[in-house]
Amino acid sequence: MSISIQHAQRQNIAQMTELLRILFSIEADFEFAPEKHRSALQKIIEQPDCGALVALDGDELIGMCTAQWVYSTATGQKSAWIEDVIVHPEYQGKGIGTQLMNALKEWCRENGCNRMQLVYDLENRPAIDFYRNQGFTNTRLGVFSKAI
């Protein structure tokens, strides 16, 4: 197994969408809608203020994460909003998620971000443990969402 972490390309979108199917099957707040996901991934890959990283084992895409830059009035600087962190279940527990997050942290720093933030499924204990092991801490803030 030789893992490489790379910036996502358009040709990765089909495999990334399959990983989102797995991710959304365990997140109760989201519904798998492949056309919407493919469209969003294409925009994320093409826009200068966001992007995605993928973990590859040869030609097989086995992990991914996305990031979007936001400007924080609290810090006065750019922050990274992290989403879609997933490693295929067959590859979990092998350090691939840590490799993705380390590459993501470096990429965010290179783009002037001083903070990374994310939301997580409150019932996804493995994800919570993973993020804590990566140095993320809970805040006292909650998350609301409203479709418009």
Protein backbone atom coordinates (compact mmCIF):
# COMPACT_ATOMS: atom_id res chain seq x y z
CA MET A 1 0.00 0.00 0.00
CA SER A 2 1.51 3.29 -1.16
CA ILE A 3 -0.71 6.23 -0.19
CA SER A 4 -0.40 9.63 -1.84
CA ILE A 5 -2.31 12.78 -0.88
CA GLN A 6 -3.12 15.07 -3.80
CA HIS A 7 -5.34 17.96 -4.75
CA ALA A 8 -8.54 16.60 -6.25
CA GLN A 9 -9.01 16.80 -10.00
CA ARG A 10 -12.16 16.62 -12.11
CA GLN A 11 -11.40 12.99 -12.98
CA ASN A 12 -11.69 12.14 -9.24
CA ILE A 13 -15.30 13.30 -8.94
CA ALA A 14 -16.96 9.92 -9.62
CA GLN A 15 -14.92 8.16 -6.92
CA MET A 16 -15.39 11.09 -4.53
CA THR A 17 -19.15 10.86 -5.03
CA GLU A 18 -19.01 7.18 -4.08
CA LEU A 19 -17.22 8.10 -0.84
CA LEU A 20 -19.95 10.67 -0.14
CA ARG A 21 -22.52 7.88 -0.52
CA ILE A 22 -20.75 6.03 2.29
CA LEU A 23 -20.43 9.17 4.42
CA PHE A 24 -24.04 10.25 4.04
CA SER A 25 -25.26 6.75 4.90
CA ILE A 26 -24.03 7.36 8.47
CA GLU A 27 -25.00 11.04 8.77
CA ALA A 28 -28.71 11.37 9.50
CA ASP A 29 -28.92 15.04 8.47
CA PHE A 30 -27.93 14.42 4.85
CA GLU A 31 -29.43 12.54 1.96
CA PHE A 32 -27.36 11.08 -0.86
CA ALA A 33 -28.11 12.95 -4.09
CA PRO A 34 -25.34 12.09 -6.56
CA GLU A 35 -26.05 14.77 -9.17
CA LYS A 36 -25.99 17.52 -6.54
CA HIS A 37 -22.81 16.13 -5.02
CA ARG A 38 -21.02 15.87 -8.38
CA SER A 39 -21.98 19.45 -9.21
CA ALA A 40 -20.78 20.74 -5.84
CA LEU A 41 -17.51 18.80 -6.05
CA GLN A 42 -16.81 20.25 -9.49
CA LYS A 43 -17.35 23.78 -8.15
CA ILE A 44 -15.19 23.09 -5.09
CA ILE A 45 -12.37 21.83 -7.27
CA GLU A 46 -12.59 24.75 -9.71
CA GLN A 47 -13.03 27.72 -7.34
CA PRO A 48 -10.00 29.57 -5.95
CA ASP A 49 -11.45 29.94 -2.44
CA CYS A 50 -11.98 26.23 -1.82
CA GLY A 51 -10.70 22.84 -2.79
CA ALA A 52 -10.44 19.18 -1.99
CA LEU A 53 -7.71 16.72 -1.13
CA VAL A 54 -7.83 13.03 -1.95
CA ALA A 55 -5.96 10.01 -0.66
CA LEU A 56 -4.98 7.55 -3.36
CA ASP A 57 -3.73 3.98 -3.12
CA GLY A 58 -2.37 3.69 -6.63
CA ASP A 59 -5.31 4.67 -8.83
CA GLU A 60 -7.92 3.90 -6.17
CA LEU A 61 -9.36 6.92 -4.38
CA ILE A 62 -9.73 5.84 -0.75
CA GLY A 63 -10.19 9.10 1.17
CA MET A 64 -11.09 12.74 0.77
CA CYS A 65 -11.85 16.04 2.47
CA THR A 66 -13.03 19.43 1.26
CA ALA A 67 -12.26 22.93 2.51
CA GLN A 68 -13.66 26.38 1.89
CA TRP A 69 -12.13 29.65 3.01
CA VAL A 70 -14.19 31.99 5.18
CA TYR A 71 -13.20 35.25 6.84
CA SER A 72 -13.64 35.34 10.58
CA THR A 73 -14.53 38.59 12.28
CA ALA A 74 -13.58 36.89 15.57
CA THR A 75 -9.96 36.33 14.52
CA GLY A 76 -9.72 38.95 11.79
CA GLN A 77 -8.22 36.32 9.52
CA LYS A 78 -9.07 33.61 7.07
CA SER A 79 -10.36 30.30 8.42
CA ALA A 80 -10.96 26.98 6.70
CA TRP A 81 -14.39 25.38 6.86
CA ILE A 82 -13.80 21.63 6.60
CA GLU A 83 -16.35 19.14 5.27
CA ASP A 84 -16.60 15.67 3.77
CA VAL A 85 -13.77 14.04 5.71
CA ILE A 86 -13.92 10.32 4.97
CA VAL A 87 -11.65 7.36 4.48
CA HIS A 88 -13.15 4.24 2.92
CA PRO A 89 -14.05 1.81 5.75
CA GLU A 90 -11.63 -0.85 4.44
CA TYR A 91 -8.75 1.61 4.91
CA GLN A 92 -9.72 3.17 8.24
CA GLY A 93 -7.36 2.78 11.19
CA LYS A 94 -4.25 2.83 8.98
CA GLY A 95 -3.27 6.49 9.44
CA ILE A 96 -4.73 7.67 6.15
CA GLY A 97 -7.14 10.11 7.80
CA THR A 98 -4.22 11.58 9.73
CA GLN A 99 -2.24 11.96 6.50
CA LEU A 100 -5.20 13.74 4.90
CA MET A 101 -5.64 16.07 7.88
CA ASN A 102 -1.91 16.87 8.06
CA ALA A 103 -1.86 17.73 4.35
CA LEU A 104 -5.04 19.76 4.80
CA LYS A 105 -3.56 21.70 7.72
CA GLU A 106 -0.46 22.54 5.68
CA TRP A 107 -2.54 23.55 2.65
CA CYS A 108 -4.73 25.78 4.84
CA ARG A 109 -1.64 27.45 6.34
CA GLU A 110 -0.20 28.02 2.86
CA ASN A 111 -3.46 29.81 1.98
CA GLY A 112 -3.28 32.13 4.99
CA CYS A 113 -5.74 30.35 7.27
CA ASN A 114 -5.11 30.48 10.99
CA ARG A 115 -7.90 28.11 12.01
CA MET A 116 -9.76 25.05 10.76
CA GLN A 117 -13.31 24.36 11.86
CA LEU A 118 -15.89 21.71 11.14
CA VAL A 119 -19.17 20.24 12.27
CA TYR A 120 -19.67 16.57 13.02
CA ASP A 121 -22.50 14.14 13.55
CA LEU A 122 -23.15 14.01 17.29
CA GLU A 123 -23.69 10.24 17.10
CA ASN A 124 -20.57 9.44 15.07
CA ARG A 125 -18.28 8.46 17.94
CA PRO A 126 -15.38 7.32 15.72
CA ALA A 127 -15.37 10.72 13.96
CA ILE A 128 -15.47 12.59 17.27
CA ASP A 129 -12.54 10.55 18.59
CA PHE A 130 -10.64 11.06 15.34
CA TYR A 131 -11.05 14.85 15.41
CA ARG A 132 -10.00 15.02 19.05
CA ASN A 133 -6.91 12.96 18.22
CA GLN A 134 -6.18 15.48 15.47
CA GLY A 135 -6.17 18.31 18.03
CA PHE A 136 -9.65 19.71 17.40
CA THR A 137 -11.49 20.91 20.50
CA ASN A 138 -15.18 21.43 21.16
CA THR A 139 -16.48 24.96 21.35
CA ARG A 140 -19.55 26.17 23.19
CA LEU A 141 -21.15 27.07 19.88
CA GLY A 142 -24.00 25.15 18.31
CA VAL A 143 -24.99 24.89 14.68
CA PHE A 144 -28.31 25.89 13.17
CA SER A 145 -29.30 25.24 9.57
CA LYS A 146 -32.16 26.61 7.47
CA ALA A 147 -32.95 25.84 3.86
CA ILE A 148 -33.58 28.96 1.76
